Amino acid sequence: MKKRILALVTAGILAFSLAGCSGTKDPNAVAATVNGEEITLGQLEFMLRMNKSSVEASMTDESMWEQEIEDGVTYRDKFKELMIDQMVNTALIAQAAEKDGLKPSDKEVESSYNELRTTINSDEDLKKSAEELGVTDEFLKSQAKTNLLIQAYQNKFNEETKVSESEMEKYYEENKDSYKVDEVEASHILIKITDDDGNAMSDADKKKAKAKAEKILKEVKNGGDFAELAKKYSEDPGSAENGGSLGTFGKGQMVEPFEEAAFSMEPGEISDLVETDYGYHIIKVTDKINKTTSYEEAKDGIKTQLLNNMYGEKIEELQKDAKIEKDTKIIDSAEF
């Protein structure tokens, strides 16, 4: 339901590349090269699998993978595109770090490897994927080294890059609206008007869904426990088990009819039926937050943001100076 497009797809993407594992189809097919360093289909597929669950945690249902977020481009397509870009950048940064002589110690590599191995072993699906794709300890140690190279490169950049007080003050003034917190905390009960594939129901089924939603609304208005009714009836798997809780959200994160209703309500209020493309919602607002963060409170975050912006520009410089080639057919063939 939330209109998190690129943010949704990029959520939780791990910042290391993979080399030397086998995937499905032809694992050695080259998806991209970075200054001659190859990124294979097998590597890409493992990274897609490794990050899939963290992205799905932000989805209302898995059918969203096939929804278009741009003309002819689905979430699935965008995820592949973002992942290969992430892997290209990782390779570039690791290469630059080695060129600068930022070599991690054997002890540091071993510690990083142990953390990486623990992460994989703690997730049964990920562990199974690693086994299927032939991920070896030797390979994981090379990735642990890559992680440390990237860390060291950014740390060095942050230490050597100065951000002045005037730059931070200017950024705050130019972006003051972003420091205004206007959020709602709410829960909802959803009765869907789409099938499991995201297709619209027939008029007859939509009529039945509305009648069901009206019946639930009556229970709520008659004093029924909202959280228990959400657990019992809501068809939003992402929130139902939490009593319909959506947490806090700002403007622009929800579809328009839902947002308009939620922001027009006061804490404790329960809406009438609100129709969106997803279905019929019953909304309960539990809190509203409206405040402005001061410059002093925002200062540390602004410095971090400016450093990140400058670091992004540095990566763009690395990209301009690099020879990067991508095979879109191989990338498109990746499965996860």
C-alpha atoms as a PDB file:
ATOM      1  CA  MET A   1       0.000   0.000   0.000  1.00  0.00           C
ATOM      2  CA  LYS A   2       2.821   2.423   0.736  1.00  0.00           C
ATOM      3  CA  LYS A   3       4.168   4.251  -2.273  1.00  0.00           C
ATOM      4  CA  ARG A   4       7.760   3.351  -1.507  1.00  0.00           C
ATOM      5  CA  ILE A   5       9.234   2.703  -4.913  1.00  0.00           C
ATOM      6  CA  LEU A   6      12.998   3.024  -5.069  1.00  0.00           C
ATOM      7  CA  ALA A   7      13.134   3.207  -1.276  1.00  0.00           C
ATOM      8  CA  LEU A   8      11.247  -0.065  -1.048  1.00  0.00           C
ATOM      9  CA  VAL A   9      13.384  -1.824  -3.596  1.00  0.00           C
ATOM     10  CA  THR A  10      16.652  -0.641  -2.084  1.00  0.00           C
ATOM     11  CA  ALA A  11      15.687  -1.307   1.505  1.00  0.00           C
ATOM     12  CA  GLY A  12      18.213  -3.511   3.264  1.00  0.00           C
ATOM     13  CA  ILE A  13      20.547  -4.094   0.291  1.00  0.00           C
ATOM     14  CA  LEU A  14      23.842  -5.415   1.632  1.00  0.00           C
ATOM     15  CA  ALA A  15      26.930  -3.525   0.530  1.00  0.00           C
ATOM     16  CA  PHE A  16      29.276  -6.243  -0.625  1.00  0.00           C
ATOM     17  CA  SER A  17      29.794  -7.956  -3.977  1.00  0.00           C
ATOM     18  CA  LEU A  18      30.256 -11.629  -4.687  1.00  0.00           C
ATOM     19  CA  ALA A  19      32.737 -13.506  -6.818  1.00  0.00           C
ATOM     20  CA  GLY A  20      33.436 -17.152  -7.452  1.00  0.00           C
ATOM     21  CA  CYS A  21      30.070 -18.786  -6.715  1.00  0.00           C
ATOM     22  CA  SER A  22      27.904 -20.750  -9.094  1.00  0.00           C
ATOM     23  CA  GLY A  23      24.304 -19.772  -9.860  1.00  0.00           C
ATOM     24  CA  THR A  24      21.462 -21.099 -11.968  1.00  0.00           C
ATOM     25  CA  LYS A  25      21.663 -21.477 -15.786  1.00  0.00           C
ATOM     26  CA  ASP A  26      25.254 -20.600 -16.769  1.00  0.00           C
ATOM     27  CA  PRO A  27      26.792 -19.273 -13.540  1.00  0.00           C
ATOM     28  CA  ASN A  28      29.870 -17.993 -15.353  1.00  0.00           C
ATOM     29  CA  ALA A  29      27.952 -15.814 -17.806  1.00  0.00           C
ATOM     30  CA  VAL A  30      29.320 -12.293 -17.367  1.00  0.00           C
ATOM     31  CA  ALA A  31      26.656  -9.775 -16.313  1.00  0.00           C
ATOM     32  CA  ALA A  32      29.101  -6.868 -16.003  1.00  0.00           C
ATOM     33  CA  THR A  33      32.796  -5.991 -15.933  1.00  0.00           C
ATOM     34  CA  VAL A  34      34.433  -3.257 -13.864  1.00  0.00           C
ATOM     35  CA  ASN A  35      37.919  -2.362 -15.102  1.00  0.00           C
ATOM     36  CA  GLY A  36      38.204  -5.949 -16.292  1.00  0.00           C
ATOM     37  CA  GLU A  37      36.862  -7.488 -13.067  1.00  0.00           C
ATOM     38  CA  GLU A  38      33.920  -9.754 -13.845  1.00  0.00           C
ATOM     39  CA  ILE A  39      30.543  -9.902 -12.125  1.00  0.00           C
ATOM     40  CA  THR A  40      28.821 -13.121 -13.114  1.00  0.00           C
ATOM     41  CA  LEU A  41      25.216 -14.231 -13.308  1.00  0.00           C
ATOM     42  CA  GLY A  42      25.819 -16.573 -10.369  1.00  0.00           C
ATOM     43  CA  GLN A  43      27.057 -13.692  -8.227  1.00  0.00           C
ATOM     44  CA  LEU A  44      24.112 -11.507  -9.200  1.00  0.00           C
ATOM     45  CA  GLU A  45      21.566 -14.216  -8.448  1.00  0.00           C
ATOM     46  CA  PHE A  46      23.026 -14.890  -5.013  1.00  0.00           C
ATOM     47  CA  MET A  47      22.948 -11.198  -4.135  1.00  0.00           C
ATOM     48  CA  LEU A  48      19.340 -10.957  -5.312  1.00  0.00           C
ATOM     49  CA  ARG A  49      18.394 -13.907  -3.122  1.00  0.00           C
ATOM     50  CA  MET A  50      20.375 -12.548  -0.197  1.00  0.00           C
ATOM     51  CA  ASN A  51      18.480  -9.257  -0.228  1.00  0.00           C
ATOM     52  CA  LYS A  52      15.048 -10.469  -1.365  1.00  0.00           C
ATOM     53  CA  SER A  53      13.589 -11.080   2.094  1.00  0.00           C
ATOM     54  CA  SER A  54      14.561  -7.641   3.418  1.00  0.00           C
ATOM     55  CA  VAL A  55      12.732  -6.024   0.492  1.00  0.00           C
ATOM     56  CA  GLU A  56       9.673  -8.243   0.920  1.00  0.00           C
ATOM     57  CA  ALA A  57       9.466  -7.206   4.569  1.00  0.00           C
ATOM     58  CA  SER A  58       8.403  -3.761   3.316  1.00  0.00           C
ATOM     59  CA  MET A  59       5.852  -5.081   0.829  1.00  0.00           C
ATOM     60  CA  THR A  60       2.168  -5.598   1.566  1.00  0.00           C
ATOM     61  CA  ASP A  61       2.248  -8.789  -0.523  1.00  0.00           C
ATOM     62  CA  GLU A  62       4.705 -10.592  -2.781  1.00  0.00           C
ATOM     63  CA  SER A  63       2.627  -9.903  -5.918  1.00  0.00           C
ATOM     64  CA  MET A  64       4.118  -6.388  -5.819  1.00  0.00           C
ATOM     65  CA  TRP A  65       7.233  -7.798  -7.494  1.00  0.00           C
ATOM     66  CA  GLU A  66       5.289  -7.860 -10.774  1.00  0.00           C
ATOM     67  CA  GLN A  67       3.705  -4.407 -10.424  1.00  0.00           C
ATOM     68  CA  GLU A  68       4.990  -1.655 -12.702  1.00  0.00           C
ATOM     69  CA  ILE A  69       6.762   1.265 -11.025  1.00  0.00           C
ATOM     70  CA  GLU A  70       7.714   2.880 -14.329  1.00  0.00           C
ATOM     71  CA  ASP A  71       6.413   2.355 -17.857  1.00  0.00           C
ATOM     72  CA  GLY A  72       7.153  -1.320 -18.584  1.00  0.00           C
ATOM     73  CA  VAL A  73       9.434  -1.668 -15.526  1.00  0.00           C
ATOM     74  CA  THR A  74       8.381  -3.839 -12.568  1.00  0.00           C
ATOM     75  CA  TYR A  75       9.707  -3.917  -9.007  1.00  0.00           C
ATOM     76  CA  ARG A  76      11.531  -7.106 -10.008  1.00  0.00           C
ATOM     77  CA  ASP A  77      13.219  -5.382 -12.958  1.00  0.00           C
ATOM     78  CA  LYS A  78      14.198  -2.377 -10.835  1.00  0.00           C
ATOM     79  CA  PHE A  79      15.604  -4.626  -8.099  1.00  0.00           C
ATOM     80  CA  LYS A  80      17.908  -6.321 -10.622  1.00  0.00           C
ATOM     81  CA  GLU A  81      19.006  -2.953 -12.001  1.00  0.00           C
ATOM     82  CA  LEU A  82      19.748  -1.537  -8.561  1.00  0.00           C
ATOM     83  CA  MET A  83      21.548  -4.684  -7.458  1.00  0.00           C
ATOM     84  CA  ILE A  84      23.929  -4.776 -10.419  1.00  0.00           C
ATOM     85  CA  ASP A  85      24.632  -1.052  -9.915  1.00  0.00           C
ATOM     86  CA  GLN A  86      25.372  -1.772  -6.240  1.00  0.00           C
ATOM     87  CA  MET A  87      27.776  -4.551  -7.207  1.00  0.00           C
ATOM     88  CA  VAL A  88      29.521  -2.354  -9.778  1.00  0.00           C
ATOM     89  CA  ASN A  89      30.019   0.408  -7.203  1.00  0.00           C
ATOM     90  CA  THR A  90      31.272  -2.097  -4.636  1.00  0.00           C
ATOM     91  CA  ALA A  91      33.880  -3.375  -7.067  1.00  0.00           C
ATOM     92  CA  LEU A  92      34.941   0.182  -7.924  1.00  0.00           C
ATOM     93  CA  ILE A  93      35.379   1.212  -4.287  1.00  0.00           C
ATOM     94  CA  ALA A  94      37.285  -1.962  -3.365  1.00  0.00           C
ATOM     95  CA  GLN A  95      39.629  -1.394  -6.318  1.00  0.00           C
ATOM     96  CA  ALA A  96      40.209   2.220  -5.270  1.00  0.00           C
ATOM     97  CA  ALA A  97      40.868   1.167  -1.655  1.00  0.00           C
ATOM     98  CA  GLU A  98      43.499  -1.363  -2.717  1.00  0.00           C
ATOM     99  CA  LYS A  99      45.102   1.252  -4.950  1.00  0.00           C
ATOM    100  CA  ASP A 100      45.347   3.526  -1.885  1.00  0.00           C
ATOM    101  CA  GLY A 101      47.005   0.748   0.100  1.00  0.00           C
ATOM    102  CA  LEU A 102      44.125   0.279   2.559  1.00  0.00           C
ATOM    103  CA  LYS A 103      44.824  -3.372   3.277  1.00  0.00           C
ATOM    104  CA  PRO A 104      42.958  -4.986   6.227  1.00  0.00           C
ATOM    105  CA  SER A 105      44.810  -7.310   8.615  1.00  0.00           C
ATOM    106  CA  ASP A 106      44.282 -11.082   8.587  1.00  0.00           C
ATOM    107  CA  LYS A 107      42.654 -10.790  12.028  1.00  0.00           C
ATOM    108  CA  GLU A 108      40.193  -8.188  10.760  1.00  0.00           C
ATOM    109  CA  VAL A 109      39.332 -10.340   7.743  1.00  0.00           C
ATOM    110  CA  GLU A 110      38.755 -13.395   9.950  1.00  0.00           C
ATOM    111  CA  SER A 111      36.454 -11.424  12.273  1.00  0.00           C
ATOM    112  CA  SER A 112      34.462 -10.001   9.350  1.00  0.00           C
ATOM    113  CA  TYR A 113      34.212 -13.454   7.782  1.00  0.00           C
ATOM    114  CA  ASN A 114      32.830 -14.921  11.024  1.00  0.00           C
ATOM    115  CA  GLU A 115      30.133 -12.236  11.126  1.00  0.00           C
ATOM    116  CA  LEU A 116      29.220 -12.905   7.502  1.00  0.00           C
ATOM    117  CA  ARG A 117      29.081 -16.661   8.026  1.00  0.00           C
ATOM    118  CA  THR A 118      26.879 -16.163  11.127  1.00  0.00           C
ATOM    119  CA  THR A 119      24.495 -13.970   9.109  1.00  0.00           C
ATOM    120  CA  ILE A 120      24.115 -16.657   6.451  1.00  0.00           C
ATOM    121  CA  ASN A 121      23.789 -19.553   8.914  1.00  0.00           C
ATOM    122  CA  SER A 122      21.109 -17.747  10.924  1.00  0.00           C
ATOM    123  CA  ASP A 123      18.760 -17.611   7.911  1.00  0.00           C
ATOM    124  CA  GLU A 124      17.698 -21.051   6.672  1.00  0.00           C
ATOM    125  CA  ASP A 125      16.603 -19.804   3.233  1.00  0.00           C
ATOM    126  CA  LEU A 126      19.836 -17.881   2.773  1.00  0.00           C
ATOM    127  CA  LYS A 127      21.883 -20.827   4.001  1.00  0.00           C
ATOM    128  CA  LYS A 128      20.129 -23.090   1.496  1.00  0.00           C
ATOM    129  CA  SER A 129      20.766 -20.617  -1.322  1.00  0.00           C
ATOM    130  CA  ALA A 130      24.437 -20.420  -0.402  1.00  0.00           C
ATOM    131  CA  GLU A 131      24.694 -24.210  -0.523  1.00  0.00           C
ATOM    132  CA  GLU A 132      22.830 -24.432  -3.845  1.00  0.00           C
ATOM    133  CA  LEU A 133      25.038 -21.758  -5.380  1.00  0.00           C
ATOM    134  CA  GLY A 134      28.270 -23.313  -4.148  1.00  0.00           C
ATOM    135  CA  VAL A 135      29.345 -20.465  -1.873  1.00  0.00           C
ATOM    136  CA  THR A 136      32.606 -21.556  -0.205  1.00  0.00           C
ATOM    137  CA  ASP A 137      34.397 -20.363   2.941  1.00  0.00           C
ATOM    138  CA  GLU A 138      37.250 -19.157   0.758  1.00  0.00           C
ATOM    139  CA  PHE A 139      34.821 -17.087  -1.242  1.00  0.00           C
ATOM    140  CA  LEU A 140      33.205 -15.629   1.895  1.00  0.00           C
ATOM    141  CA  LYS A 141      36.606 -14.623   3.237  1.00  0.00           C
ATOM    142  CA  SER A 142      37.276 -12.717   0.018  1.00  0.00           C
ATOM    143  CA  GLN A 143      33.976 -10.904   0.509  1.00  0.00           C
ATOM    144  CA  ALA A 144      34.858 -10.147   4.120  1.00  0.00           C
ATOM    145  CA  LYS A 145      38.025  -8.492   2.834  1.00  0.00           C
ATOM    146  CA  THR A 146      35.982  -6.518   0.306  1.00  0.00           C
ATOM    147  CA  ASN A 147      33.690  -5.266   3.074  1.00  0.00           C
ATOM    148  CA  LEU A 148      36.685  -4.039   5.061  1.00  0.00           C
ATOM    149  CA  LEU A 149      38.216  -2.337   2.025  1.00  0.00           C
ATOM    150  CA  ILE A 150      34.977  -0.424   1.440  1.00  0.00           C
ATOM    151  CA  GLN A 151      34.742   0.560   5.112  1.00  0.00           C
ATOM    152  CA  ALA A 152      38.340   1.744   5.148  1.00  0.00           C
ATOM    153  CA  TYR A 153      37.885   3.758   1.957  1.00  0.00           C
ATOM    154  CA  GLN A 154      34.824   5.600   3.279  1.00  0.00           C
ATOM    155  CA  ASN A 155      36.415   6.157   6.691  1.00  0.00           C
ATOM    156  CA  LYS A 156      39.464   7.699   5.040  1.00  0.00           C
ATOM    157  CA  PHE A 157      37.232   9.860   2.858  1.00  0.00           C
ATOM    158  CA  ASN A 158      35.251  11.085   5.886  1.00  0.00           C
ATOM    159  CA  GLU A 159      38.418  11.870   7.844  1.00  0.00           C
ATOM    160  CA  GLU A 160      39.970  13.838   4.995  1.00  0.00           C
ATOM    161  CA  THR A 161      36.825  15.692   3.910  1.00  0.00           C
ATOM    162  CA  LYS A 162      35.951  18.845   5.835  1.00  0.00           C
ATOM    163  CA  VAL A 163      32.409  20.182   6.249  1.00  0.00           C
ATOM    164  CA  SER A 164      32.193  23.778   7.490  1.00  0.00           C
ATOM    165  CA  GLU A 165      29.641  25.235   9.892  1.00  0.00           C
ATOM    166  CA  SER A 166      28.436  27.607   7.169  1.00  0.00           C
ATOM    167  CA  GLU A 167      27.831  24.701   4.781  1.00  0.00           C
ATOM    168  CA  MET A 168      25.748  22.926   7.422  1.00  0.00           C
ATOM    169  CA  GLU A 169      23.755  26.068   8.276  1.00  0.00           C
ATOM    170  CA  LYS A 170      23.091  26.694   4.593  1.00  0.00           C
ATOM    171  CA  TYR A 171      21.897  23.129   4.105  1.00  0.00           C
ATOM    172  CA  TYR A 172      19.548  23.441   7.091  1.00  0.00           C
ATOM    173  CA  GLU A 173      17.991  26.672   5.808  1.00  0.00           C
ATOM    174  CA  GLU A 174      17.607  25.330   2.275  1.00  0.00           C
ATOM    175  CA  ASN A 175      16.005  22.117   3.530  1.00  0.00           C
ATOM    176  CA  LYS A 176      14.113  23.442   6.539  1.00  0.00           C
ATOM    177  CA  ASP A 177      10.845  21.853   5.446  1.00  0.00           C
ATOM    178  CA  SER A 178      12.449  18.424   5.714  1.00  0.00           C
ATOM    179  CA  TYR A 179      13.037  19.052   9.420  1.00  0.00           C
ATOM    180  CA  LYS A 180       9.359  19.609  10.018  1.00  0.00           C
ATOM    181  CA  VAL A 181       7.873  16.395  11.353  1.00  0.00           C
ATOM    182  CA  ASP A 182       4.252  15.957  10.288  1.00  0.00           C
ATOM    183  CA  GLU A 183       3.354  12.337  10.897  1.00  0.00           C
ATOM    184  CA  VAL A 184       0.425  10.150  11.836  1.00  0.00           C
ATOM    185  CA  GLU A 185       0.479   6.909  13.768  1.00  0.00           C
ATOM    186  CA  ALA A 186      -2.366   4.688  12.639  1.00  0.00           C
ATOM    187  CA  SER A 187      -3.761   1.198  12.276  1.00  0.00           C
ATOM    188  CA  HIS A 188      -6.123  -0.133   9.643  1.00  0.00           C
ATOM    189  CA  ILE A 189      -8.314  -3.042   8.654  1.00  0.00           C
ATOM    190  CA  LEU A 190      -8.194  -3.814   4.935  1.00  0.00           C
ATOM    191  CA  ILE A 191     -10.701  -5.778   2.898  1.00  0.00           C
ATOM    192  CA  LYS A 192      -9.118  -6.225  -0.504  1.00  0.00           C
ATOM    193  CA  ILE A 193     -10.716  -5.614  -3.899  1.00  0.00           C
ATOM    194  CA  THR A 194      -7.866  -7.260  -5.790  1.00  0.00           C
ATOM    195  CA  ASP A 195      -7.003 -10.928  -6.190  1.00  0.00           C
ATOM    196  CA  ASP A 196      -3.719 -12.549  -5.144  1.00  0.00           C
ATOM    197  CA  ASP A 197      -2.108 -11.398  -8.406  1.00  0.00           C
ATOM    198  CA  GLY A 198      -3.103  -7.774  -7.850  1.00  0.00           C
ATOM    199  CA  ASN A 199      -5.886  -7.822 -10.472  1.00  0.00           C
ATOM    200  CA  ALA A 200      -9.161  -5.982  -9.807  1.00  0.00           C
ATOM    201  CA  MET A 201     -12.080  -8.113  -8.642  1.00  0.00           C
ATOM    202  CA  SER A 202     -15.363  -8.318 -10.538  1.00  0.00           C
ATOM    203  CA  ASP A 203     -18.083  -5.835  -9.624  1.00  0.00           C
ATOM    204  CA  ALA A 204     -19.974  -8.600  -7.858  1.00  0.00           C
ATOM    205  CA  ASP A 205     -16.981  -9.587  -5.727  1.00  0.00           C
ATOM    206  CA  LYS A 206     -16.226  -5.948  -5.014  1.00  0.00           C
ATOM    207  CA  LYS A 207     -19.796  -5.514  -3.774  1.00  0.00           C
ATOM    208  CA  LYS A 208     -19.335  -8.490  -1.426  1.00  0.00           C
ATOM    209  CA  ALA A 209     -16.052  -7.028  -0.164  1.00  0.00           C
ATOM    210  CA  LYS A 210     -17.747  -3.716   0.600  1.00  0.00           C
ATOM    211  CA  ALA A 211     -20.565  -5.450   2.471  1.00  0.00           C
ATOM    212  CA  LYS A 212     -17.995  -7.346   4.537  1.00  0.00           C
ATOM    213  CA  ALA A 213     -16.095  -4.146   5.295  1.00  0.00           C
ATOM    214  CA  GLU A 214     -19.317  -2.384   6.338  1.00  0.00           C
ATOM    215  CA  LYS A 215     -20.145  -5.225   8.712  1.00  0.00           C
ATOM    216  CA  ILE A 216     -16.682  -4.977  10.312  1.00  0.00           C
ATOM    217  CA  LEU A 217     -16.991  -1.182  10.535  1.00  0.00           C
ATOM    218  CA  LYS A 218     -20.238  -1.613  12.437  1.00  0.00           C
ATOM    219  CA  GLU A 219     -18.465  -3.934  14.917  1.00  0.00           C
ATOM    220  CA  VAL A 220     -15.699  -1.376  15.390  1.00  0.00           C
ATOM    221  CA  LYS A 221     -18.110   1.538  15.860  1.00  0.00           C
ATOM    222  CA  ASN A 222     -20.065  -0.525  18.406  1.00  0.00           C
ATOM    223  CA  GLY A 223     -16.994  -0.697  20.621  1.00  0.00           C
ATOM    224  CA  GLY A 224     -15.207  -3.755  19.246  1.00  0.00           C
ATOM    225  CA  ASP A 225     -11.497  -4.098  19.974  1.00  0.00           C
ATOM    226  CA  PHE A 226      -9.830  -2.640  16.855  1.00  0.00           C
ATOM    227  CA  ALA A 227      -6.616  -4.649  17.179  1.00  0.00           C
ATOM    228  CA  GLU A 228      -8.454  -7.945  17.668  1.00  0.00           C
ATOM    229  CA  LEU A 229     -10.804  -7.245  14.760  1.00  0.00           C
ATOM    230  CA  ALA A 230      -7.786  -6.392  12.565  1.00  0.00           C
ATOM    231  CA  LYS A 231      -6.140  -9.696  13.476  1.00  0.00           C
ATOM    232  CA  LYS A 232      -9.387 -11.514  12.696  1.00  0.00           C
ATOM    233  CA  TYR A 233     -10.485  -9.793   9.491  1.00  0.00           C
ATOM    234  CA  SER A 234      -7.773  -7.635   7.911  1.00  0.00           C
ATOM    235  CA  GLU A 235      -6.435  -8.867   4.562  1.00  0.00           C
ATOM    236  CA  ASP A 236      -3.221  -6.860   4.815  1.00  0.00           C
ATOM    237  CA  PRO A 237      -0.682  -9.538   5.825  1.00  0.00           C
ATOM    238  CA  GLY A 238       1.919  -6.913   6.630  1.00  0.00           C
ATOM    239  CA  SER A 239      -0.101  -5.405   9.480  1.00  0.00           C
ATOM    240  CA  ALA A 240      -2.916  -7.782  10.444  1.00  0.00           C
ATOM    241  CA  GLU A 241      -0.874  -9.869  12.867  1.00  0.00           C
ATOM    242  CA  ASN A 242       0.175  -6.640  14.617  1.00  0.00           C
ATOM    243  CA  GLY A 243      -3.406  -5.594  15.196  1.00  0.00           C
ATOM    244  CA  GLY A 244      -3.467  -3.541  11.991  1.00  0.00           C
ATOM    245  CA  SER A 245      -0.619  -1.260  13.112  1.00  0.00           C
ATOM    246  CA  LEU A 246       1.119   0.670  10.335  1.00  0.00           C
ATOM    247  CA  GLY A 247       3.387   2.575  12.714  1.00  0.00           C
ATOM    248  CA  THR A 248       4.062   6.220  11.892  1.00  0.00           C
ATOM    249  CA  PHE A 249       4.150   7.669   8.393  1.00  0.00           C
ATOM    250  CA  GLY A 250       4.471  11.070   6.792  1.00  0.00           C
ATOM    251  CA  LYS A 251       2.814  12.648   3.802  1.00  0.00           C
ATOM    252  CA  GLY A 252       3.590  11.040   0.475  1.00  0.00           C
ATOM    253  CA  GLN A 253       4.020   7.543   1.903  1.00  0.00           C
ATOM    254  CA  MET A 254       0.435   6.368   1.538  1.00  0.00           C
ATOM    255  CA  VAL A 255      -1.919   6.374  -1.422  1.00  0.00           C
ATOM    256  CA  GLU A 256      -3.827   9.646  -1.595  1.00  0.00           C
ATOM    257  CA  PRO A 257      -7.320   8.684  -0.292  1.00  0.00           C
ATOM    258  CA  PHE A 258      -5.764   6.881   2.694  1.00  0.00           C
ATOM    259  CA  GLU A 259      -3.423   9.787   3.447  1.00  0.00           C
ATOM    260  CA  GLU A 260      -6.183  12.398   3.218  1.00  0.00           C
ATOM    261  CA  ALA A 261      -8.364  10.453   5.634  1.00  0.00           C
ATOM    262  CA  ALA A 262      -5.595   9.723   8.149  1.00  0.00           C
ATOM    263  CA  PHE A 263      -4.245  13.285   8.294  1.00  0.00           C
ATOM    264  CA  SER A 264      -7.740  14.754   8.676  1.00  0.00           C
ATOM    265  CA  MET A 265      -8.453  12.668  11.794  1.00  0.00           C
ATOM    266  CA  GLU A 266      -7.570  13.209  15.447  1.00  0.00           C
ATOM    267  CA  PRO A 267      -6.021  10.601  17.790  1.00  0.00           C
ATOM    268  CA  GLY A 268      -8.641   8.071  18.846  1.00  0.00           C
ATOM    269  CA  GLU A 269     -10.860   8.668  15.815  1.00  0.00           C
ATOM    270  CA  ILE A 270     -12.004   5.831  13.560  1.00  0.00           C
ATOM    271  CA  SER A 271     -12.816   6.519   9.919  1.00  0.00           C
ATOM    272  CA  ASP A 272     -15.743   5.413   7.817  1.00  0.00           C
ATOM    273  CA  LEU A 273     -14.809   3.170   4.878  1.00  0.00           C
ATOM    274  CA  VAL A 274     -11.962   4.606   2.798  1.00  0.00           C
ATOM    275  CA  GLU A 275     -11.644   3.155  -0.694  1.00  0.00           C
ATOM    276  CA  THR A 276      -8.286   2.876  -2.483  1.00  0.00           C
ATOM    277  CA  ASP A 277      -7.064   0.711  -5.349  1.00  0.00           C
ATOM    278  CA  TYR A 278      -6.178  -1.887  -2.721  1.00  0.00           C
ATOM    279  CA  GLY A 279      -9.618  -2.145  -1.156  1.00  0.00           C
ATOM    280  CA  TYR A 280     -11.742  -0.824   1.679  1.00  0.00           C
ATOM    281  CA  HIS A 281      -9.909   0.488   4.736  1.00  0.00           C
ATOM    282  CA  ILE A 282     -11.089   1.216   8.245  1.00  0.00           C
ATOM    283  CA  ILE A 283      -8.512   3.556   9.783  1.00  0.00           C
ATOM    284  CA  LYS A 284      -7.824   4.286  13.432  1.00  0.00           C
ATOM    285  CA  VAL A 285      -5.471   7.174  14.226  1.00  0.00           C
ATOM    286  CA  THR A 286      -3.577   6.669  17.493  1.00  0.00           C
ATOM    287  CA  ASP A 287      -1.229   9.680  17.462  1.00  0.00           C
ATOM    288  CA  LYS A 288      -0.175  12.763  15.499  1.00  0.00           C
ATOM    289  CA  ILE A 289       3.256  14.392  15.587  1.00  0.00           C
ATOM    290  CA  ASN A 290       3.880  17.941  14.403  1.00  0.00           C
ATOM    291  CA  LYS A 291       7.178  19.630  15.288  1.00  0.00           C
ATOM    292  CA  THR A 292      10.321  21.184  13.768  1.00  0.00           C
ATOM    293  CA  THR A 293      13.795  19.875  14.572  1.00  0.00           C
ATOM    294  CA  SER A 294      16.199  22.715  15.504  1.00  0.00           C
ATOM    295  CA  TYR A 295      19.546  23.268  13.759  1.00  0.00           C
ATOM    296  CA  GLU A 296      21.475  22.158  16.853  1.00  0.00           C
ATOM    297  CA  GLU A 297      19.436  18.932  17.016  1.00  0.00           C
ATOM    298  CA  ALA A 298      19.907  18.337  13.298  1.00  0.00           C
ATOM    299  CA  LYS A 299      23.574  19.374  13.084  1.00  0.00           C
ATOM    300  CA  ASP A 300      25.204  15.947  13.384  1.00  0.00           C
ATOM    301  CA  GLY A 301      22.794  14.447  10.893  1.00  0.00           C
ATOM    302  CA  ILE A 302      23.426  17.292   8.451  1.00  0.00           C
ATOM    303  CA  LYS A 303      27.167  16.700   8.602  1.00  0.00           C
ATOM    304  CA  THR A 304      26.631  13.014   7.894  1.00  0.00           C
ATOM    305  CA  GLN A 305      24.281  13.853   5.019  1.00  0.00           C
ATOM    306  CA  LEU A 306      26.743  16.288   3.436  1.00  0.00           C
ATOM    307  CA  LEU A 307      29.565  13.778   3.773  1.00  0.00           C
ATOM    308  CA  ASN A 308      27.371  11.128   2.156  1.00  0.00           C
ATOM    309  CA  ASN A 309      26.543  13.506  -0.686  1.00  0.00           C
ATOM    310  CA  MET A 310      30.238  14.203  -1.234  1.00  0.00           C
ATOM    311  CA  TYR A 311      31.019  10.495  -1.038  1.00  0.00           C
ATOM    312  CA  GLY A 312      28.383   9.872  -3.702  1.00  0.00           C
ATOM    313  CA  GLU A 313      30.102  12.448  -5.899  1.00  0.00           C
ATOM    314  CA  LYS A 314      33.409  10.651  -5.316  1.00  0.00           C
ATOM    315  CA  ILE A 315      31.862   7.379  -6.481  1.00  0.00           C
ATOM    316  CA  GLU A 316      30.558   9.165  -9.583  1.00  0.00           C
ATOM    317  CA  GLU A 317      34.144  10.273 -10.277  1.00  0.00           C
ATOM    318  CA  LEU A 318      35.299   6.659  -9.962  1.00  0.00           C
ATOM    319  CA  GLN A 319      32.575   5.638 -12.403  1.00  0.00           C
ATOM    320  CA  LYS A 320      33.635   8.265 -14.956  1.00  0.00           C
ATOM    321  CA  ASP A 321      37.242   7.092 -14.830  1.00  0.00           C
ATOM    322  CA  ALA A 322      36.352   3.391 -14.995  1.00  0.00           C
ATOM    323  CA  LYS A 323      35.599   1.039 -17.835  1.00  0.00           C
ATOM    324  CA  ILE A 324      32.203  -0.457 -16.988  1.00  0.00           C
ATOM    325  CA  GLU A 325      30.334  -2.811 -19.294  1.00  0.00           C
ATOM    326  CA  LYS A 326      26.946  -4.446 -18.643  1.00  0.00           C
ATOM    327  CA  ASP A 327      25.154  -7.233 -20.502  1.00  0.00           C
ATOM    328  CA  THR A 328      21.458  -6.423 -20.129  1.00  0.00           C
ATOM    329  CA  LYS A 329      20.366  -9.824 -21.480  1.00  0.00           C
ATOM    330  CA  ILE A 330      22.343 -11.642 -18.804  1.00  0.00           C
ATOM    331  CA  ILE A 331      21.107  -9.261 -16.113  1.00  0.00           C
ATOM    332  CA  ASP A 332      17.480  -9.670 -17.243  1.00  0.00           C
ATOM    333  CA  SER A 333      17.838 -13.472 -17.132  1.00  0.00           C
ATOM    334  CA  ALA A 334      18.766 -13.469 -13.436  1.00  0.00           C
ATOM    335  CA  GLU A 335      16.272 -15.321 -11.218  1.00  0.00           C
ATOM    336  CA  PHE A 336      15.563 -15.022  -7.496  1.00  0.00           C
END
